[in-house]
Full PDB file with SEQRES, HELIX, SHEET, SSBOND, CRYST1, ORIGX, SCALE, CONECT and MASTER records, all heavy atoms in Angstrom:
SEQRES   1 A   37  GLY VAL ILE THR LYS ALA ARG ASN ILE LYS ASP GLN GLU          
SEQRES   2 A   37  ASP SER VAL ARG SER SER LEU ASP LEU MET TYR LYS ASP          
SEQRES   3 A   37  LEU LYS GLN LYS GLN LYS ALA TYR GLU ALA SER                  
HELIX    1 AA1 VAL A    2  ALA A   36  1                                  35    
CRYST1    1.000    1.000    1.000  90.00  90.00  90.00 P 1           1          
ORIGX1      1.000000  0.000000  0.000000        0.00000                         
ORIGX2      0.000000  1.000000  0.000000        0.00000                         
ORIGX3      0.000000  0.000000  1.000000        0.00000                         
SCALE1      1.000000  0.000000  0.000000        0.00000                         
SCALE2      0.000000  1.000000  0.000000        0.00000                         
SCALE3      0.000000  0.000000  1.000000        0.00000                         
ATOM      1  N   GLY A   1      12.120  22.083  13.109  1.00  0.00           N  
ATOM      2  CA  GLY A   1      11.070  21.587  12.206  1.00  0.00           C  
ATOM      3  C   GLY A   1      11.743  21.004  10.928  1.00  0.00           C  
ATOM      4  O   GLY A   1      11.225  20.067  10.338  1.00  0.00           O  
ATOM      5  N   VAL A   2      12.854  21.617  10.462  1.00  0.00           N  
ATOM      6  CA  VAL A   2      13.481  21.078   9.353  1.00  0.00           C  
ATOM      7  C   VAL A   2      14.053  19.705   9.600  1.00  0.00           C  
ATOM      8  O   VAL A   2      13.944  18.766   8.716  1.00  0.00           O  
ATOM      9  CB  VAL A   2      14.764  21.982   8.953  1.00  0.00           C  
ATOM     10  CG1 VAL A   2      15.588  21.403   7.871  1.00  0.00           C  
ATOM     11  CG2 VAL A   2      14.192  23.299   8.440  1.00  0.00           C  
ATOM     12  N   ILE A   3      14.579  19.483  10.827  1.00  0.00           N  
ATOM     13  CA  ILE A   3      15.098  18.082  11.122  1.00  0.00           C  
ATOM     14  C   ILE A   3      13.996  17.088  11.181  1.00  0.00           C  
ATOM     15  O   ILE A   3      14.074  15.986  10.683  1.00  0.00           O  
ATOM     16  CB  ILE A   3      15.884  18.195  12.419  1.00  0.00           C  
ATOM     17  CG1 ILE A   3      17.128  19.034  12.303  1.00  0.00           C  
ATOM     18  CG2 ILE A   3      16.294  16.800  12.873  1.00  0.00           C  
ATOM     19  CD1 ILE A   3      17.925  19.302  13.557  1.00  0.00           C  
ATOM     20  N   THR A   4      12.867  17.522  11.786  1.00  0.00           N  
ATOM     21  CA  THR A   4      11.698  16.577  11.825  1.00  0.00           C  
ATOM     22  C   THR A   4      11.252  16.336  10.463  1.00  0.00           C  
ATOM     23  O   THR A   4      10.860  15.074  10.139  1.00  0.00           O  
ATOM     24  CB  THR A   4      10.658  17.239  12.756  1.00  0.00           C  
ATOM     25  OG1 THR A   4      11.042  17.499  14.030  1.00  0.00           O  
ATOM     26  CG2 THR A   4       9.322  16.361  12.788  1.00  0.00           C  
ATOM     27  N   LYS A   5      11.112  17.357   9.627  1.00  0.00           N  
ATOM     28  CA  LYS A   5      10.721  17.116   8.300  1.00  0.00           C  
ATOM     29  C   LYS A   5      11.672  16.209   7.520  1.00  0.00           C  
ATOM     30  O   LYS A   5      11.156  15.193   6.751  1.00  0.00           O  
ATOM     31  CB  LYS A   5      10.650  18.483   7.484  1.00  0.00           C  
ATOM     32  CG  LYS A   5      10.191  18.400   6.082  1.00  0.00           C  
ATOM     33  CD  LYS A   5      10.009  19.812   5.484  1.00  0.00           C  
ATOM     34  CE  LYS A   5       9.644  19.767   4.113  1.00  0.00           C  
ATOM     35  NZ  LYS A   5       9.473  21.119   3.539  1.00  0.00           N  
ATOM     36  N   ALA A   6      12.825  16.359   7.725  1.00  0.00           N  
ATOM     37  CA  ALA A   6      13.904  15.430   7.136  1.00  0.00           C  
ATOM     38  C   ALA A   6      13.667  14.042   7.506  1.00  0.00           C  
ATOM     39  O   ALA A   6      13.802  13.134   6.736  1.00  0.00           O  
ATOM     40  CB  ALA A   6      15.349  15.885   7.499  1.00  0.00           C  
ATOM     41  N   ARG A   7      13.412  13.786   8.851  1.00  0.00           N  
ATOM     42  CA  ARG A   7      13.217  12.492   9.291  1.00  0.00           C  
ATOM     43  C   ARG A   7      11.950  11.873   8.593  1.00  0.00           C  
ATOM     44  O   ARG A   7      11.907  10.685   8.283  1.00  0.00           O  
ATOM     45  CB  ARG A   7      13.109  12.422  10.810  1.00  0.00           C  
ATOM     46  CG  ARG A   7      14.373  12.686  11.575  1.00  0.00           C  
ATOM     47  CD  ARG A   7      14.229  12.407  13.024  1.00  0.00           C  
ATOM     48  NE  ARG A   7      15.502  12.653  13.680  1.00  0.00           N  
ATOM     49  CZ  ARG A   7      15.569  13.607  14.704  1.00  0.00           C  
ATOM     50  NH1 ARG A   7      14.461  14.411  14.996  1.00  0.00           N  
ATOM     51  NH2 ARG A   7      16.721  13.833  15.253  1.00  0.00           N  
ATOM     52  N   ASN A   8      10.973  12.650   8.609  1.00  0.00           N  
ATOM     53  CA  ASN A   8       9.624  12.209   7.980  1.00  0.00           C  
ATOM     54  C   ASN A   8       9.887  11.794   6.547  1.00  0.00           C  
ATOM     55  O   ASN A   8       9.397  10.719   6.103  1.00  0.00           O  
ATOM     56  CB  ASN A   8       8.570  13.282   8.126  1.00  0.00           C  
ATOM     57  CG  ASN A   8       8.053  13.511   9.496  1.00  0.00           C  
ATOM     58  OD1 ASN A   8       8.286  12.662  10.347  1.00  0.00           O  
ATOM     59  ND2 ASN A   8       7.405  14.723   9.711  1.00  0.00           N  
ATOM     60  N   ILE A   9      10.574  12.636   5.756  1.00  0.00           N  
ATOM     61  CA  ILE A   9      10.793  12.359   4.367  1.00  0.00           C  
ATOM     62  C   ILE A   9      11.593  11.105   4.176  1.00  0.00           C  
ATOM     63  O   ILE A   9      11.386  10.247   3.345  1.00  0.00           O  
ATOM     64  CB  ILE A   9      11.372  13.595   3.691  1.00  0.00           C  
ATOM     65  CG1 ILE A   9      10.337  14.704   3.593  1.00  0.00           C  
ATOM     66  CG2 ILE A   9      11.932  13.213   2.280  1.00  0.00           C  
ATOM     67  CD1 ILE A   9      10.853  15.932   2.967  1.00  0.00           C  
ATOM     68  N   LYS A  10      12.711  11.054   5.140  1.00  0.00           N  
ATOM     69  CA  LYS A  10      13.575   9.828   4.946  1.00  0.00           C  
ATOM     70  C   LYS A  10      12.794   8.576   5.194  1.00  0.00           C  
ATOM     71  O   LYS A  10      12.866   7.579   4.464  1.00  0.00           O  
ATOM     72  CB  LYS A  10      14.742   9.950   5.891  1.00  0.00           C  
ATOM     73  CG  LYS A  10      15.795   8.809   5.782  1.00  0.00           C  
ATOM     74  CD  LYS A  10      16.899   8.960   6.685  1.00  0.00           C  
ATOM     75  CE  LYS A  10      17.880   7.874   6.442  1.00  0.00           C  
ATOM     76  NZ  LYS A  10      17.277   6.433   6.700  1.00  0.00           N  
ATOM     77  N   ASP A  11      11.920   8.596   6.198  1.00  0.00           N  
ATOM     78  CA  ASP A  11      11.136   7.370   6.559  1.00  0.00           C  
ATOM     79  C   ASP A  11      10.251   7.010   5.432  1.00  0.00           C  
ATOM     80  O   ASP A  11      10.029   5.920   5.108  1.00  0.00           O  
ATOM     81  CB  ASP A  11      10.262   7.575   7.907  1.00  0.00           C  
ATOM     82  CG  ASP A  11      11.182   7.685   9.096  1.00  0.00           C  
ATOM     83  OD1 ASP A  11      12.308   7.162   8.938  1.00  0.00           O  
ATOM     84  OD2 ASP A  11      10.657   8.131  10.141  1.00  0.00           O  
ATOM     85  N   GLN A  12       9.570   8.087   4.846  1.00  0.00           N  
ATOM     86  CA  GLN A  12       8.665   7.819   3.758  1.00  0.00           C  
ATOM     87  C   GLN A  12       9.424   7.315   2.530  1.00  0.00           C  
ATOM     88  O   GLN A  12       8.831   6.536   1.770  1.00  0.00           O  
ATOM     89  CB  GLN A  12       7.896   9.092   3.478  1.00  0.00           C  
ATOM     90  CG  GLN A  12       6.867   9.364   4.573  1.00  0.00           C  
ATOM     91  CD  GLN A  12       6.067  10.775   4.359  1.00  0.00           C  
ATOM     92  OE1 GLN A  12       6.457  11.512   3.431  1.00  0.00           O  
ATOM     93  NE2 GLN A  12       5.104  10.970   5.169  1.00  0.00           N  
ATOM     94  N   GLU A  13      10.479   7.844   2.183  1.00  0.00           N  
ATOM     95  CA  GLU A  13      11.261   7.395   1.039  1.00  0.00           C  
ATOM     96  C   GLU A  13      11.685   5.933   1.222  1.00  0.00           C  
ATOM     97  O   GLU A  13      11.682   5.202   0.310  1.00  0.00           O  
ATOM     98  CB  GLU A  13      12.478   8.315   0.880  1.00  0.00           C  
ATOM     99  CG  GLU A  13      12.190   9.725   0.340  1.00  0.00           C  
ATOM    100  CD  GLU A  13      13.471  10.551   0.037  1.00  0.00           C  
ATOM    101  OE1 GLU A  13      14.555  10.148   0.648  1.00  0.00           O  
ATOM    102  OE2 GLU A  13      13.340  11.602  -0.582  1.00  0.00           O  
ATOM    103  N   ASP A  14      12.095   5.642   2.481  1.00  0.00           N  
ATOM    104  CA  ASP A  14      12.487   4.301   2.687  1.00  0.00           C  
ATOM    105  C   ASP A  14      11.203   3.357   2.555  1.00  0.00           C  
ATOM    106  O   ASP A  14      11.408   2.190   2.005  1.00  0.00           O  
ATOM    107  CB  ASP A  14      13.026   4.123   4.208  1.00  0.00           C  
ATOM    108  CG  ASP A  14      14.386   4.717   4.362  1.00  0.00           C  
ATOM    109  OD1 ASP A  14      15.053   4.943   3.250  1.00  0.00           O  
ATOM    110  OD2 ASP A  14      14.840   4.972   5.447  1.00  0.00           O  
ATOM    111  N   SER A  15      10.095   3.891   2.996  1.00  0.00           N  
ATOM    112  CA  SER A  15       8.898   3.034   2.853  1.00  0.00           C  
ATOM    113  C   SER A  15       8.523   2.782   1.423  1.00  0.00           C  
ATOM    114  O   SER A  15       8.104   1.743   0.998  1.00  0.00           O  
ATOM    115  CB  SER A  15       7.679   3.741   3.542  1.00  0.00           C  
ATOM    116  OG  SER A  15       6.543   3.041   3.363  1.00  0.00           O  
ATOM    117  N   VAL A  16       8.772   3.791   0.524  1.00  0.00           N  
ATOM    118  CA  VAL A  16       8.450   3.699  -0.953  1.00  0.00           C  
ATOM    119  C   VAL A  16       9.437   2.665  -1.465  1.00  0.00           C  
ATOM    120  O   VAL A  16       9.040   1.791  -2.202  1.00  0.00           O  
ATOM    121  CB  VAL A  16       8.726   5.094  -1.578  1.00  0.00           C  
ATOM    122  CG1 VAL A  16       8.760   4.784  -3.248  1.00  0.00           C  
ATOM    123  CG2 VAL A  16       7.677   6.061  -1.352  1.00  0.00           C  
ATOM    124  N   ARG A  17      10.740   2.755  -1.159  1.00  0.00           N  
ATOM    125  CA  ARG A  17      11.703   1.750  -1.594  1.00  0.00           C  
ATOM    126  C   ARG A  17      11.314   0.372  -1.297  1.00  0.00           C  
ATOM    127  O   ARG A  17      11.334  -0.617  -2.115  1.00  0.00           O  
ATOM    128  CB  ARG A  17      13.048   2.116  -1.100  1.00  0.00           C  
ATOM    129  CG  ARG A  17      13.657   3.381  -1.623  1.00  0.00           C  
ATOM    130  CD  ARG A  17      15.079   3.646  -1.145  1.00  0.00           C  
ATOM    131  NE  ARG A  17      15.642   4.829  -1.602  1.00  0.00           N  
ATOM    132  CZ  ARG A  17      15.646   5.957  -0.913  1.00  0.00           C  
ATOM    133  NH1 ARG A  17      15.186   5.942   0.303  1.00  0.00           N  
ATOM    134  NH2 ARG A  17      16.155   7.078  -1.344  1.00  0.00           N  
ATOM    135  N   SER A  18      11.036   0.240   0.036  1.00  0.00           N  
ATOM    136  CA  SER A  18      10.698  -1.156   0.564  1.00  0.00           C  
ATOM    137  C   SER A  18       9.429  -1.634  -0.135  1.00  0.00           C  
ATOM    138  O   SER A  18       9.319  -2.867  -0.466  1.00  0.00           O  
ATOM    139  CB  SER A  18      10.466  -1.109   2.070  1.00  0.00           C  
ATOM    140  OG  SER A  18      10.020  -2.309   2.644  1.00  0.00           O  
ATOM    141  N   SER A  19       8.362  -0.818  -0.216  1.00  0.00           N  
ATOM    142  CA  SER A  19       7.094  -1.281  -0.795  1.00  0.00           C  
ATOM    143  C   SER A  19       7.307  -1.640  -2.250  1.00  0.00           C  
ATOM    144  O   SER A  19       6.783  -2.581  -2.757  1.00  0.00           O  
ATOM    145  CB  SER A  19       6.090  -0.072  -0.715  1.00  0.00           C  
ATOM    146  OG  SER A  19       5.768   0.091   0.640  1.00  0.00           O  
ATOM    147  N   LEU A  20       8.051  -0.833  -2.941  1.00  0.00           N  
ATOM    148  CA  LEU A  20       8.226  -1.105  -4.447  1.00  0.00           C  
ATOM    149  C   LEU A  20       9.009  -2.455  -4.636  1.00  0.00           C  
ATOM    150  O   LEU A  20       8.691  -3.209  -5.507  1.00  0.00           O  
ATOM    151  CB  LEU A  20       9.031   0.066  -5.004  1.00  0.00           C  
ATOM    152  CG  LEU A  20       9.072   0.164  -6.577  1.00  0.00           C  
ATOM    153  CD1 LEU A  20       7.623   0.500  -7.051  1.00  0.00           C  
ATOM    154  CD2 LEU A  20       9.974   1.198  -7.032  1.00  0.00           C  
ATOM    155  N   ASP A  21       9.962  -2.695  -3.743  1.00  0.00           N  
ATOM    156  CA  ASP A  21      10.716  -3.969  -3.915  1.00  0.00           C  
ATOM    157  C   ASP A  21       9.814  -5.111  -3.580  1.00  0.00           C  
ATOM    158  O   ASP A  21       9.821  -6.089  -4.272  1.00  0.00           O  
ATOM    159  CB  ASP A  21      11.880  -3.977  -2.869  1.00  0.00           C  
ATOM    160  CG  ASP A  21      12.817  -5.158  -3.041  1.00  0.00           C  
ATOM    161  OD1 ASP A  21      13.385  -5.233  -4.150  1.00  0.00           O  
ATOM    162  OD2 ASP A  21      12.927  -5.957  -2.142  1.00  0.00           O  
ATOM    163  N   LEU A  22       8.964  -5.056  -2.612  1.00  0.00           N  
ATOM    164  CA  LEU A  22       8.026  -6.028  -2.235  1.00  0.00           C  
ATOM    165  C   LEU A  22       6.963  -6.325  -3.361  1.00  0.00           C  
ATOM    166  O   LEU A  22       6.612  -7.394  -3.665  1.00  0.00           O  
ATOM    167  CB  LEU A  22       7.266  -5.776  -0.927  1.00  0.00           C  
ATOM    168  CG  LEU A  22       8.179  -5.857   0.379  1.00  0.00           C  
ATOM    169  CD1 LEU A  22       7.357  -5.404   1.614  1.00  0.00           C  
ATOM    170  CD2 LEU A  22       8.671  -7.288   0.570  1.00  0.00           C  
ATOM    171  N   MET A  23       6.498  -5.230  -3.888  1.00  0.00           N  
ATOM    172  CA  MET A  23       5.575  -5.224  -5.020  1.00  0.00           C  
ATOM    173  C   MET A  23       6.138  -6.045  -6.188  1.00  0.00           C  
ATOM    174  O   MET A  23       5.443  -6.771  -6.852  1.00  0.00           O  
ATOM    175  CB  MET A  23       5.051  -3.870  -5.444  1.00  0.00           C  
ATOM    176  CG  MET A  23       4.126  -3.289  -4.382  1.00  0.00           C  
ATOM    177  SD  MET A  23       3.956  -1.491  -4.722  1.00  0.00           S  
ATOM    178  CE  MET A  23       2.871  -1.580  -6.120  1.00  0.00           C  
ATOM    179  N   TYR A  24       7.481  -5.679  -6.397  1.00  0.00           N  
ATOM    180  CA  TYR A  24       8.068  -6.281  -7.629  1.00  0.00           C  
ATOM    181  C   TYR A  24       8.255  -7.909  -7.310  1.00  0.00           C  
ATOM    182  O   TYR A  24       8.020  -8.644  -8.286  1.00  0.00           O  
ATOM    183  CB  TYR A  24       9.507  -5.757  -7.857  1.00  0.00           C  
ATOM    184  CG  TYR A  24      10.271  -6.245  -9.013  1.00  0.00           C  
ATOM    185  CD1 TYR A  24       9.912  -5.951 -10.312  1.00  0.00           C  
ATOM    186  CD2 TYR A  24      11.326  -7.200  -8.825  1.00  0.00           C  
ATOM    187  CE1 TYR A  24      10.504  -6.562 -11.440  1.00  0.00           C  
ATOM    188  CE2 TYR A  24      11.914  -7.767  -9.946  1.00  0.00           C  
ATOM    189  CZ  TYR A  24      11.607  -7.393 -11.225  1.00  0.00           C  
ATOM    190  OH  TYR A  24      12.273  -7.975 -12.274  1.00  0.00           O  
ATOM    191  N   LYS A  25       8.638  -8.250  -6.080  1.00  0.00           N  
ATOM    192  CA  LYS A  25       8.745  -9.691  -5.848  1.00  0.00           C  
ATOM    193  C   LYS A  25       7.394 -10.354  -5.995  1.00  0.00           C  
ATOM    194  O   LYS A  25       7.332 -11.507  -6.388  1.00  0.00           O  
ATOM    195  CB  LYS A  25       9.367  -9.820  -4.456  1.00  0.00           C  
ATOM    196  CG  LYS A  25      10.803  -9.411  -4.317  1.00  0.00           C  
ATOM    197  CD  LYS A  25      11.296  -9.531  -2.885  1.00  0.00           C  
ATOM    198  CE  LYS A  25      12.816  -9.063  -2.758  1.00  0.00           C  
ATOM    199  NZ  LYS A  25      13.303  -9.015  -1.419  1.00  0.00           N  
ATOM    200  N   ASP A  26       6.357  -9.672  -5.422  1.00  0.00           N  
ATOM    201  CA  ASP A  26       5.019 -10.294  -5.538  1.00  0.00           C  
ATOM    202  C   ASP A  26       4.628 -10.465  -6.999  1.00  0.00           C  
ATOM    203  O   ASP A  26       3.991 -11.510  -7.368  1.00  0.00           O  
ATOM    204  CB  ASP A  26       4.050  -9.357  -4.778  1.00  0.00           C  
ATOM    205  CG  ASP A  26       2.563  -9.858  -4.871  1.00  0.00           C  
ATOM    206  OD1 ASP A  26       2.318 -10.947  -4.360  1.00  0.00           O  
ATOM    207  OD2 ASP A  26       1.777  -9.193  -5.526  1.00  0.00           O  
ATOM    208  N   LEU A  27       4.950  -9.458  -7.787  1.00  0.00           N  
ATOM    209  CA  LEU A  27       4.627  -9.482  -9.194  1.00  0.00           C  
ATOM    210  C   LEU A  27       5.268 -10.643  -9.895  1.00  0.00           C  
ATOM    211  O   LEU A  27       4.618 -11.452 -10.684  1.00  0.00           O  
ATOM    212  CB  LEU A  27       5.068  -8.212  -9.812  1.00  0.00           C  
ATOM    213  CG  LEU A  27       4.722  -7.829 -11.331  1.00  0.00           C  
ATOM    214  CD1 LEU A  27       4.763  -6.354 -11.443  1.00  0.00           C  
ATOM    215  CD2 LEU A  27       5.697  -8.467 -12.348  1.00  0.00           C  
ATOM    216  N   LYS A  28       6.593 -10.993  -9.532  1.00  0.00           N  
ATOM    217  CA  LYS A  28       7.269 -11.934 -10.228  1.00  0.00           C  
ATOM    218  C   LYS A  28       6.720 -13.346  -9.794  1.00  0.00           C  
ATOM    219  O   LYS A  28       6.666 -14.317 -10.600  1.00  0.00           O  
ATOM    220  CB  LYS A  28       8.877 -11.956  -9.834  1.00  0.00           C  
ATOM    221  CG  LYS A  28       9.524 -10.675 -10.449  1.00  0.00           C  
ATOM    222  CD  LYS A  28       9.516 -10.661 -11.886  1.00  0.00           C  
ATOM    223  CE  LYS A  28      10.384 -11.600 -12.540  1.00  0.00           C  
ATOM    224  NZ  LYS A  28      10.458 -11.484 -14.016  1.00  0.00           N  
ATOM    225  N   GLN A  29       6.311 -13.523  -8.542  1.00  0.00           N  
ATOM    226  CA  GLN A  29       5.635 -14.708  -8.106  1.00  0.00           C  
ATOM    227  C   GLN A  29       4.321 -14.973  -8.820  1.00  0.00           C  
ATOM    228  O   GLN A  29       4.108 -16.058  -9.351  1.00  0.00           O  
ATOM    229  CB  GLN A  29       5.375 -14.671  -6.558  1.00  0.00           C  
ATOM    230  CG  GLN A  29       6.647 -14.728  -5.713  1.00  0.00           C  
ATOM    231  CD  GLN A  29       6.312 -14.657  -4.260  1.00  0.00           C  
ATOM    232  OE1 GLN A  29       5.259 -14.278  -3.823  1.00  0.00           O  
ATOM    233  NE2 GLN A  29       7.330 -15.045  -3.420  1.00  0.00           N  
ATOM    234  N   LYS A  30       3.582 -13.863  -9.016  1.00  0.00           N  
ATOM    235  CA  LYS A  30       2.338 -13.989  -9.752  1.00  0.00           C  
ATOM    236  C   LYS A  30       2.606 -14.315 -11.270  1.00  0.00           C  
ATOM    237  O   LYS A  30       1.811 -14.976 -11.858  1.00  0.00           O  
ATOM    238  CB  LYS A  30       1.489 -12.748  -9.624  1.00  0.00           C  
ATOM    239  CG  LYS A  30       0.893 -12.664  -8.167  1.00  0.00           C  
ATOM    240  CD  LYS A  30       0.030 -11.415  -8.028  1.00  0.00           C  
ATOM    241  CE  LYS A  30      -0.800 -11.448  -6.708  1.00  0.00           C  
ATOM    242  NZ  LYS A  30      -0.052 -11.571  -5.494  1.00  0.00           N  
ATOM    243  N   GLN A  31       3.727 -13.789 -11.811  1.00  0.00           N  
ATOM    244  CA  GLN A  31       4.005 -14.104 -13.087  1.00  0.00           C  
ATOM    245  C   GLN A  31       4.338 -15.659 -13.294  1.00  0.00           C  
ATOM    246  O   GLN A  31       3.823 -16.279 -14.272  1.00  0.00           O  
ATOM    247  CB  GLN A  31       5.195 -13.303 -13.582  1.00  0.00           C  
ATOM    248  CG  GLN A  31       5.587 -13.519 -15.063  1.00  0.00           C  
ATOM    249  CD  GLN A  31       6.851 -12.804 -15.430  1.00  0.00           C  
ATOM    250  OE1 GLN A  31       7.521 -12.187 -14.635  1.00  0.00           O  
ATOM    251  NE2 GLN A  31       7.264 -12.878 -16.735  1.00  0.00           N  
ATOM    252  N   LYS A  32       5.095 -16.187 -12.383  1.00  0.00           N  
ATOM    253  CA  LYS A  32       5.233 -17.651 -12.406  1.00  0.00           C  
ATOM    254  C   LYS A  32       3.993 -18.390 -12.315  1.00  0.00           C  
ATOM    255  O   LYS A  32       3.771 -19.418 -13.066  1.00  0.00           O  
ATOM    256  CB  LYS A  32       6.239 -17.992 -11.280  1.00  0.00           C  
ATOM    257  CG  LYS A  32       7.646 -17.537 -11.457  1.00  0.00           C  
ATOM    258  CD  LYS A  32       8.502 -17.942 -10.257  1.00  0.00           C  
ATOM    259  CE  LYS A  32       9.964 -17.483 -10.373  1.00  0.00           C  
ATOM    260  NZ  LYS A  32      10.837 -17.882  -9.247  1.00  0.00           N  
ATOM    261  N   ALA A  33       3.091 -18.007 -11.419  1.00  0.00           N  
ATOM    262  CA  ALA A  33       1.864 -18.679 -11.246  1.00  0.00           C  
ATOM    263  C   ALA A  33       0.975 -18.597 -12.536  1.00  0.00           C  
ATOM    264  O   ALA A  33       0.355 -19.558 -12.880  1.00  0.00           O  
ATOM    265  CB  ALA A  33       1.078 -18.057 -10.097  1.00  0.00           C  
ATOM    266  N   TYR A  34       0.999 -17.419 -13.160  1.00  0.00           N  
ATOM    267  CA  TYR A  34       0.238 -17.210 -14.388  1.00  0.00           C  
ATOM    268  C   TYR A  34       0.836 -18.095 -15.553  1.00  0.00           C  
ATOM    269  O   TYR A  34       0.052 -18.758 -16.200  1.00  0.00           O  
ATOM    270  CB  TYR A  34       0.320 -15.763 -14.864  1.00  0.00           C  
ATOM    271  CG  TYR A  34      -0.217 -15.519 -16.169  1.00  0.00           C  
ATOM    272  CD1 TYR A  34      -1.657 -15.469 -16.387  1.00  0.00           C  
ATOM    273  CD2 TYR A  34       0.577 -15.336 -17.286  1.00  0.00           C  
ATOM    274  CE1 TYR A  34      -2.115 -15.277 -17.673  1.00  0.00           C  
ATOM    275  CE2 TYR A  34       0.050 -14.987 -18.530  1.00  0.00           C  
ATOM    276  CZ  TYR A  34      -1.318 -14.956 -18.686  1.00  0.00           C  
ATOM    277  OH  TYR A  34      -1.698 -14.786 -20.002  1.00  0.00           O  
ATOM    278  N   GLU A  35       2.179 -18.159 -15.705  1.00  0.00           N  
ATOM    279  CA  GLU A  35       2.757 -19.056 -16.643  1.00  0.00           C  
ATOM    280  C   GLU A  35       2.480 -20.452 -16.430  1.00  0.00           C  
ATOM    281  O   GLU A  35       2.225 -21.232 -17.323  1.00  0.00           O  
ATOM    282  CB  GLU A  35       4.249 -18.702 -16.771  1.00  0.00           C  
ATOM    283  CG  GLU A  35       4.528 -17.324 -17.307  1.00  0.00           C  
ATOM    284  CD  GLU A  35       5.958 -16.898 -17.132  1.00  0.00           C  
ATOM    285  OE1 GLU A  35       6.671 -17.560 -16.318  1.00  0.00           O  
ATOM    286  OE2 GLU A  35       6.423 -15.953 -17.755  1.00  0.00           O  
ATOM    287  N   ALA A  36       2.454 -20.841 -15.081  1.00  0.00           N  
ATOM    288  CA  ALA A  36       2.129 -22.308 -14.892  1.00  0.00           C  
ATOM    289  C   ALA A  36       0.607 -22.581 -15.234  1.00  0.00           C  
ATOM    290  O   ALA A  36       0.248 -23.621 -15.683  1.00  0.00           O  
ATOM    291  CB  ALA A  36       2.353 -22.572 -13.376  1.00  0.00           C  
ATOM    292  N   SER A  37      -0.225 -21.628 -14.913  1.00  0.00           N  
ATOM    293  CA  SER A  37      -1.603 -21.788 -15.144  1.00  0.00           C  
ATOM    294  C   SER A  37      -1.861 -21.931 -16.702  1.00  0.00           C  
ATOM    295  O   SER A  37      -2.852 -22.509 -17.115  1.00  0.00           O  
ATOM    296  CB  SER A  37      -2.452 -20.608 -14.604  1.00  0.00           C  
ATOM    297  OG  SER A  37      -2.282 -19.512 -15.382  1.00  0.00           O  
TER     298      SER A  37                                                      
MASTER        0    0    0    1    0    0    0    6  297    1    0    3          
END                                                                             
């Protein structure tokens, strides 16, 4: 159960990292669009 829990947490942490990076990139694109507008 510990090993399964570890895998779950690692997958979720990776998901947070990936999502946060994508959100930041999306934010920067929207910043450029806003400044152009």
